[in-house]
């Protein structure tokens, strides 16, 4: 499974934007994501990758760009 491709597909479903050429763009600062979308993103990531990301432990600064999200998912997959 291509983690980057799958994460970008989830983000595109949530934001309506192809972020593949904007991997370092802050998706919260630019208004593409809000807290409700964050929860949905976590649920989608958990379902797709079988990872566990409790909402209570979600730190927006660690998940605010597509590149950071890909890295977090890859790290969680390897735990």
PDB file of N, CA and C in Angstrom:
ATOM      1  N   UNK A   1       0.846  -1.182   0.000  1.00  0.00           N
ATOM      2  CA  UNK A   1       0.000   0.000   0.000  1.00  0.00           C
ATOM      3  C   UNK A   1       0.889   1.242   0.000  1.00  0.00           C
ATOM      4  N   UNK A   2       0.583   2.181  -0.861  1.00  0.00           N
ATOM      5  CA  UNK A   2       1.332   3.437  -0.945  1.00  0.00           C
ATOM      6  C   UNK A   2       0.719   4.422   0.054  1.00  0.00           C
ATOM      7  N   UNK A   3       1.391   4.585   1.180  1.00  0.00           N
ATOM      8  CA  UNK A   3       0.856   5.412   2.259  1.00  0.00           C
ATOM      9  C   UNK A   3       0.590   6.841   1.801  1.00  0.00           C
ATOM     10  N   UNK A   4       1.543   7.433   1.118  1.00  0.00           N
ATOM     11  CA  UNK A   4       1.382   8.824   0.668  1.00  0.00           C
ATOM     12  C   UNK A   4       0.150   8.968  -0.232  1.00  0.00           C
ATOM     13  N   UNK A   5       0.012   8.068  -1.183  1.00  0.00           N
ATOM     14  CA  UNK A   5      -1.107   8.119  -2.119  1.00  0.00           C
ATOM     15  C   UNK A   5      -2.442   7.966  -1.379  1.00  0.00           C
ATOM     16  N   UNK A   6      -2.491   7.038  -0.431  1.00  0.00           N
ATOM     17  CA  UNK A   6      -3.731   6.791   0.304  1.00  0.00           C
ATOM     18  C   UNK A   6      -4.075   7.973   1.226  1.00  0.00           C
ATOM     19  N   UNK A   7      -3.066   8.541   1.876  1.00  0.00           N
ATOM     20  CA  UNK A   7      -3.304   9.712   2.739  1.00  0.00           C
ATOM     21  C   UNK A   7      -3.805  10.881   1.895  1.00  0.00           C
ATOM     22  N   UNK A   8      -3.189  11.094   0.755  1.00  0.00           N
ATOM     23  CA  UNK A   8      -3.617  12.196  -0.111  1.00  0.00           C
ATOM     24  C   UNK A   8      -5.046  11.984  -0.609  1.00  0.00           C
ATOM     25  N   UNK A   9      -5.423  10.744  -0.854  1.00  0.00           N
ATOM     26  CA  UNK A   9      -6.802  10.458  -1.293  1.00  0.00           C
ATOM     27  C   UNK A   9      -7.795  10.789  -0.177  1.00  0.00           C
ATOM     28  N   UNK A  10      -7.435  10.445   1.062  1.00  0.00           N
ATOM     29  CA  UNK A  10      -8.305  10.770   2.198  1.00  0.00           C
ATOM     30  C   UNK A  10      -8.421  12.291   2.351  1.00  0.00           C
ATOM     31  N   UNK A  11      -7.298  12.978   2.243  1.00  0.00           N
ATOM     32  CA  UNK A  11      -7.328  14.440   2.368  1.00  0.00           C
ATOM     33  C   UNK A  11      -8.126  15.077   1.235  1.00  0.00           C
ATOM     34  N   UNK A  12      -8.019  14.533   0.046  1.00  0.00           N
ATOM     35  CA  UNK A  12      -8.774  15.082  -1.081  1.00  0.00           C
ATOM     36  C   UNK A  12     -10.278  14.887  -0.873  1.00  0.00           C
ATOM     37  N   UNK A  13     -10.646  13.735  -0.326  1.00  0.00           N
ATOM     38  CA  UNK A  13     -12.067  13.500  -0.030  1.00  0.00           C
ATOM     39  C   UNK A  13     -12.589  14.515   0.986  1.00  0.00           C
ATOM     40  N   UNK A  14     -11.758  14.852   1.964  1.00  0.00           N
ATOM     41  CA  UNK A  14     -12.186  15.763   3.031  1.00  0.00           C
ATOM     42  C   UNK A  14     -12.150  17.231   2.623  1.00  0.00           C
ATOM     43  N   UNK A  15     -11.168  17.590   1.809  1.00  0.00           N
ATOM     44  CA  UNK A  15     -10.974  19.010   1.486  1.00  0.00           C
ATOM     45  C   UNK A  15     -11.471  19.394   0.099  1.00  0.00           C
ATOM     46  N   UNK A  16     -11.592  18.394  -0.774  1.00  0.00           N
ATOM     47  CA  UNK A  16     -11.948  18.693  -2.157  1.00  0.00           C
ATOM     48  C   UNK A  16     -10.770  19.219  -2.954  1.00  0.00           C
ATOM     49  N   UNK A  17      -9.574  19.122  -2.372  1.00  0.00           N
ATOM     50  CA  UNK A  17      -8.374  19.653  -3.028  1.00  0.00           C
ATOM     51  C   UNK A  17      -7.342  18.542  -3.226  1.00  0.00           C
ATOM     52  N   UNK A  18      -6.660  18.576  -4.361  1.00  0.00           N
ATOM     53  CA  UNK A  18      -5.509  17.701  -4.590  1.00  0.00           C
ATOM     54  C   UNK A  18      -4.300  18.396  -3.967  1.00  0.00           C
ATOM     55  N   UNK A  19      -3.774  17.809  -2.900  1.00  0.00           N
ATOM     56  CA  UNK A  19      -2.678  18.429  -2.158  1.00  0.00           C
ATOM     57  C   UNK A  19      -1.323  17.814  -2.489  1.00  0.00           C
ATOM     58  N   UNK A  20      -1.261  17.014  -3.541  1.00  0.00           N
ATOM     59  CA  UNK A  20      -0.021  16.303  -3.863  1.00  0.00           C
ATOM     60  C   UNK A  20       1.146  17.234  -4.183  1.00  0.00           C
ATOM     61  N   UNK A  21       0.876  18.414  -4.653  1.00  0.00           N
ATOM     62  CA  UNK A  21       1.959  19.362  -4.928  1.00  0.00           C
ATOM     63  C   UNK A  21       2.067  20.438  -3.847  1.00  0.00           C
ATOM     64  N   UNK A  22       1.355  20.215  -2.735  1.00  0.00           N
ATOM     65  CA  UNK A  22       1.397  21.166  -1.602  1.00  0.00           C
ATOM     66  C   UNK A  22       1.605  20.391  -0.290  1.00  0.00           C
ATOM     67  N   UNK A  23       2.611  19.543  -0.286  1.00  0.00           N
ATOM     68  CA  UNK A  23       2.845  18.641   0.844  1.00  0.00           C
ATOM     69  C   UNK A  23       3.214  19.369   2.134  1.00  0.00           C
ATOM     70  N   UNK A  24       3.749  20.575   2.027  1.00  0.00           N
ATOM     71  CA  UNK A  24       4.157  21.305   3.229  1.00  0.00           C
ATOM     72  C   UNK A  24       3.214  22.453   3.578  1.00  0.00           C
ATOM     73  N   UNK A  25       2.064  22.475   2.945  1.00  0.00           N
ATOM     74  CA  UNK A  25       1.090  23.538   3.213  1.00  0.00           C
ATOM     75  C   UNK A  25       0.288  23.208   4.478  1.00  0.00           C
ATOM     76  N   UNK A  26       0.150  24.191   5.348  1.00  0.00           N
ATOM     77  CA  UNK A  26      -0.619  24.004   6.583  1.00  0.00           C
ATOM     78  C   UNK A  26      -2.111  23.993   6.233  1.00  0.00           C
ATOM     79  N   UNK A  27      -2.717  22.819   6.366  1.00  0.00           N
ATOM     80  CA  UNK A  27      -4.103  22.642   5.926  1.00  0.00           C
ATOM     81  C   UNK A  27      -5.114  23.188   6.944  1.00  0.00           C
ATOM     82  N   UNK A  28      -4.647  23.551   8.115  1.00  0.00           N
ATOM     83  CA  UNK A  28      -5.541  24.193   9.087  1.00  0.00           C
ATOM     84  C   UNK A  28      -5.477  25.710   8.916  1.00  0.00           C
ATOM     85  N   UNK A  29      -4.284  26.231   8.730  1.00  0.00           N
ATOM     86  CA  UNK A  29      -4.109  27.676   8.574  1.00  0.00           C
ATOM     87  C   UNK A  29      -4.770  28.187   7.293  1.00  0.00           C
ATOM     88  N   UNK A  30      -4.792  27.343   6.259  1.00  0.00           N
ATOM     89  CA  UNK A  30      -5.392  27.795   4.999  1.00  0.00           C
ATOM     90  C   UNK A  30      -6.898  27.530   4.935  1.00  0.00           C
ATOM     91  N   UNK A  31      -7.457  26.978   6.013  1.00  0.00           N
ATOM     92  CA  UNK A  31      -8.903  26.802   6.090  1.00  0.00           C
ATOM     93  C   UNK A  31      -9.438  25.539   5.430  1.00  0.00           C
ATOM     94  N   UNK A  32      -8.570  24.658   4.943  1.00  0.00           N
ATOM     95  CA  UNK A  32      -9.045  23.432   4.302  1.00  0.00           C
ATOM     96  C   UNK A  32      -9.570  22.423   5.322  1.00  0.00           C
ATOM     97  N   UNK A  33      -9.020  22.463   6.547  1.00  0.00           N
ATOM     98  CA  UNK A  33      -9.431  21.523   7.581  1.00  0.00           C
ATOM     99  C   UNK A  33      -9.830  22.283   8.842  1.00  0.00           C
ATOM    100  N   UNK A  34     -10.813  21.733   9.553  1.00  0.00           N
ATOM    101  CA  UNK A  34     -11.194  22.274  10.857  1.00  0.00           C
ATOM    102  C   UNK A  34     -11.258  21.104  11.836  1.00  0.00           C
ATOM    103  N   UNK A  35     -11.722  21.347  13.035  1.00  0.00           N
ATOM    104  CA  UNK A  35     -11.713  20.285  14.042  1.00  0.00           C
ATOM    105  C   UNK A  35     -12.607  19.111  13.654  1.00  0.00           C
ATOM    106  N   UNK A  36     -13.739  19.380  13.062  1.00  0.00           N
ATOM    107  CA  UNK A  36     -14.622  18.288  12.636  1.00  0.00           C
ATOM    108  C   UNK A  36     -13.964  17.446  11.539  1.00  0.00           C
ATOM    109  N   UNK A  37     -13.324  18.116  10.600  1.00  0.00           N
ATOM    110  CA  UNK A  37     -12.631  17.394   9.532  1.00  0.00           C
ATOM    111  C   UNK A  37     -11.459  16.599  10.101  1.00  0.00           C
ATOM    112  N   UNK A  38     -10.833  17.111  11.160  1.00  0.00           N
ATOM    113  CA  UNK A  38      -9.717  16.396  11.805  1.00  0.00           C
ATOM    114  C   UNK A  38     -10.193  15.061  12.358  1.00  0.00           C
ATOM    115  N   UNK A  39     -11.324  15.091  13.026  1.00  0.00           N
ATOM    116  CA  UNK A  39     -11.874  13.854  13.593  1.00  0.00           C
ATOM    117  C   UNK A  39     -12.180  12.866  12.472  1.00  0.00           C
ATOM    118  N   UNK A  40     -12.784  13.350  11.407  1.00  0.00           N
ATOM    119  CA  UNK A  40     -13.093  12.462  10.277  1.00  0.00           C
ATOM    120  C   UNK A  40     -11.823  11.915   9.650  1.00  0.00           C
ATOM    121  N   UNK A  41     -10.791  12.765   9.534  1.00  0.00           N
ATOM    122  CA  UNK A  41      -9.514  12.307   8.984  1.00  0.00           C
ATOM    123  C   UNK A  41      -8.939  11.181   9.834  1.00  0.00           C
ATOM    124  N   UNK A  42      -8.952  11.366  11.155  1.00  0.00           N
ATOM    125  CA  UNK A  42      -8.413  10.332  12.041  1.00  0.00           C
ATOM    126  C   UNK A  42      -9.186   9.029  11.908  1.00  0.00           C
ATOM    127  N   UNK A  43     -10.498   9.122  11.833  1.00  0.00           N
ATOM    128  CA  UNK A  43     -11.315   7.924  11.661  1.00  0.00           C
ATOM    129  C   UNK A  43     -10.988   7.225  10.343  1.00  0.00           C
ATOM    130  N   UNK A  44     -10.854   8.013   9.287  1.00  0.00           N
ATOM    131  CA  UNK A  44     -10.529   7.435   7.975  1.00  0.00           C
ATOM    132  C   UNK A  44      -9.145   6.791   7.980  1.00  0.00           C
ATOM    133  N   UNK A  45      -8.180   7.451   8.626  1.00  0.00           N
ATOM    134  CA  UNK A  45      -6.822   6.896   8.696  1.00  0.00           C
ATOM    135  C   UNK A  45      -6.807   5.609   9.515  1.00  0.00           C
ATOM    136  N   UNK A  46      -7.538   5.604  10.608  1.00  0.00           N
ATOM    137  CA  UNK A  46      -7.606   4.403  11.449  1.00  0.00           C
ATOM    138  C   UNK A  46      -8.211   3.239  10.670  1.00  0.00           C
ATOM    139  N   UNK A  47      -9.276   3.532   9.944  1.00  0.00           N
ATOM    140  CA  UNK A  47      -9.938   2.484   9.173  1.00  0.00           C
ATOM    141  C   UNK A  47      -9.052   1.982   8.029  1.00  0.00           C
ATOM    142  N   UNK A  48      -8.412   2.889   7.319  1.00  0.00           N
ATOM    143  CA  UNK A  48      -7.613   2.526   6.145  1.00  0.00           C
ATOM    144  C   UNK A  48      -6.327   1.790   6.518  1.00  0.00           C
ATOM    145  N   UNK A  49      -5.653   2.288   7.580  1.00  0.00           N
ATOM    146  CA  UNK A  49      -4.327   1.764   7.905  1.00  0.00           C
ATOM    147  C   UNK A  49      -4.302   0.875   9.152  1.00  0.00           C
ATOM    148  N   UNK A  50      -5.399   0.789   9.859  1.00  0.00           N
ATOM    149  CA  UNK A  50      -5.440  -0.029  11.063  1.00  0.00           C
ATOM    150  C   UNK A  50      -4.595   0.520  12.190  1.00  0.00           C
ATOM    151  N   UNK A  51      -4.403   1.826  12.182  1.00  0.00           N
ATOM    152  CA  UNK A  51      -3.608   2.477  13.228  1.00  0.00           C
ATOM    153  C   UNK A  51      -4.547   3.049  14.283  1.00  0.00           C
ATOM    154  N   UNK A  52      -4.000   3.307  15.460  1.00  0.00           N
ATOM    155  CA  UNK A  52      -4.800   3.858  16.543  1.00  0.00           C
ATOM    156  C   UNK A  52      -4.311   5.264  16.874  1.00  0.00           C
ATOM    157  N   UNK A  53      -5.180   6.249  16.653  1.00  0.00           N
ATOM    158  CA  UNK A  53      -4.852   7.634  16.978  1.00  0.00           C
ATOM    159  C   UNK A  53      -6.000   8.198  17.815  1.00  0.00           C
ATOM    160  N   UNK A  54      -5.902   8.084  19.128  1.00  0.00           N
ATOM    161  CA  UNK A  54      -6.970   8.631  19.966  1.00  0.00           C
ATOM    162  C   UNK A  54      -7.123  10.138  19.753  1.00  0.00           C
ATOM    163  N   UNK A  55      -8.347  10.588  19.602  1.00  0.00           N
ATOM    164  CA  UNK A  55      -8.604  12.015  19.395  1.00  0.00           C
ATOM    165  C   UNK A  55      -8.052  12.828  20.559  1.00  0.00           C
ATOM    166  N   UNK A  56      -8.086  12.248  21.764  1.00  0.00           N
ATOM    167  CA  UNK A  56      -7.589  12.958  22.944  1.00  0.00           C
ATOM    168  C   UNK A  56      -6.079  13.204  22.882  1.00  0.00           C
ATOM    169  N   UNK A  57      -5.374  12.437  22.075  1.00  0.00           N
ATOM    170  CA  UNK A  57      -3.926  12.595  21.946  1.00  0.00           C
ATOM    171  C   UNK A  57      -3.529  13.316  20.661  1.00  0.00           C
ATOM    172  N   UNK A  58      -4.526  13.786  19.915  1.00  0.00           N
ATOM    173  CA  UNK A  58      -4.268  14.469  18.655  1.00  0.00           C
ATOM    174  C   UNK A  58      -3.705  15.860  18.927  1.00  0.00           C
ATOM    175  N   UNK A  59      -2.520  16.114  18.385  1.00  0.00           N
ATOM    176  CA  UNK A  59      -1.886  17.427  18.484  1.00  0.00           C
ATOM    177  C   UNK A  59      -1.849  18.014  17.075  1.00  0.00           C
ATOM    178  N   UNK A  60      -2.637  19.051  16.850  1.00  0.00           N
ATOM    179  CA  UNK A  60      -2.786  19.612  15.508  1.00  0.00           C
ATOM    180  C   UNK A  60      -1.445  19.983  14.875  1.00  0.00           C
ATOM    181  N   UNK A  61      -0.511  20.483  15.692  1.00  0.00           N
ATOM    182  CA  UNK A  61       0.785  20.906  15.149  1.00  0.00           C
ATOM    183  C   UNK A  61       1.576  19.736  14.559  1.00  0.00           C
ATOM    184  N   UNK A  62       1.274  18.534  15.008  1.00  0.00           N
ATOM    185  CA  UNK A  62       1.977  17.358  14.479  1.00  0.00           C
ATOM    186  C   UNK A  62       1.300  16.801  13.223  1.00  0.00           C
ATOM    187  N   UNK A  63       0.121  17.328  12.887  1.00  0.00           N
ATOM    188  CA  UNK A  63      -0.662  16.798  11.772  1.00  0.00           C
ATOM    189  C   UNK A  63      -1.124  17.909  10.834  1.00  0.00           C
ATOM    190  N   UNK A  64      -0.401  19.032  10.767  1.00  0.00           N
ATOM    191  CA  UNK A  64      -0.944  20.181  10.047  1.00  0.00           C
ATOM    192  C   UNK A  64      -0.532  20.309   8.585  1.00  0.00           C
ATOM    193  N   UNK A  65       0.277  19.380   8.081  1.00  0.00           N
ATOM    194  CA  UNK A  65       0.601  19.387   6.647  1.00  0.00           C
ATOM    195  C   UNK A  65       0.451  17.967   6.107  1.00  0.00           C
ATOM    196  N   UNK A  66       0.192  17.818   4.824  1.00  0.00           N
ATOM    197  CA  UNK A  66       0.126  16.466   4.265  1.00  0.00           C
ATOM    198  C   UNK A  66       1.404  15.678   4.516  1.00  0.00           C
ATOM    199  N   UNK A  67       2.561  16.310   4.427  1.00  0.00           N
ATOM    200  CA  UNK A  67       3.828  15.599   4.661  1.00  0.00           C
ATOM    201  C   UNK A  67       3.910  15.076   6.093  1.00  0.00           C
ATOM    202  N   UNK A  68       3.502  15.887   7.062  1.00  0.00           N
ATOM    203  CA  UNK A  68       3.518  15.443   8.461  1.00  0.00           C
ATOM    204  C   UNK A  68       2.541  14.296   8.685  1.00  0.00           C
ATOM    205  N   UNK A  69       1.396  14.353   8.035  1.00  0.00           N
ATOM    206  CA  UNK A  69       0.393  13.294   8.189  1.00  0.00           C
ATOM    207  C   UNK A  69       0.933  11.978   7.636  1.00  0.00           C
ATOM    208  N   UNK A  70       1.566  12.031   6.476  1.00  0.00           N
ATOM    209  CA  UNK A  70       2.157  10.819   5.891  1.00  0.00           C
ATOM    210  C   UNK A  70       3.202  10.242   6.841  1.00  0.00           C
ATOM    211  N   UNK A  71       4.061  11.091   7.385  1.00  0.00           N
ATOM    212  CA  UNK A  71       5.106  10.635   8.304  1.00  0.00           C
ATOM    213  C   UNK A  71       4.498  10.023   9.564  1.00  0.00           C
ATOM    214  N   UNK A  72       3.487  10.681  10.124  1.00  0.00           N
ATOM    215  CA  UNK A  72       2.839  10.146  11.334  1.00  0.00           C
ATOM    216  C   UNK A  72       2.230   8.765  11.055  1.00  0.00           C
ATOM    217  N   UNK A  73       1.541   8.647   9.940  1.00  0.00           N
ATOM    218  CA  UNK A  73       0.915   7.363   9.603  1.00  0.00           C
ATOM    219  C   UNK A  73       1.976   6.284   9.415  1.00  0.00           C
ATOM    220  N   UNK A  74       3.049   6.612   8.706  1.00  0.00           N
ATOM    221  CA  UNK A  74       4.119   5.624   8.498  1.00  0.00           C
ATOM    222  C   UNK A  74       4.728   5.204   9.831  1.00  0.00           C
ATOM    223  N   UNK A  75       4.945   6.158  10.723  1.00  0.00           N
ATOM    224  CA  UNK A  75       5.502   5.819  12.039  1.00  0.00           C
ATOM    225  C   UNK A  75       4.543   4.946  12.837  1.00  0.00           C
ATOM    226  N   UNK A  76       3.267   5.267  12.811  1.00  0.00           N
ATOM    227  CA  UNK A  76       2.283   4.481  13.547  1.00  0.00           C
ATOM    228  C   UNK A  76       2.121   3.077  12.964  1.00  0.00           C
ATOM    229  N   UNK A  77       2.276   2.953  11.653  1.00  0.00           N
ATOM    230  CA  UNK A  77       2.196   1.632  11.021  1.00  0.00           C
ATOM    231  C   UNK A  77       3.343   0.739  11.471  1.00  0.00           C
ATOM    232  N   UNK A  78       4.479   1.346  11.789  1.00  0.00           N
ATOM    233  CA  UNK A  78       5.673   0.578  12.152  1.00  0.00           C
ATOM    234  C   UNK A  78       5.792   0.310  13.649  1.00  0.00           C
ATOM    235  N   UNK A  79       4.831   0.793  14.425  1.00  0.00           N
ATOM    236  CA  UNK A  79       4.898   0.555  15.879  1.00  0.00           C
ATOM    237  C   UNK A  79       4.468  -0.849  16.221  1.00  0.00           C
TER     238      UNK A  79
END
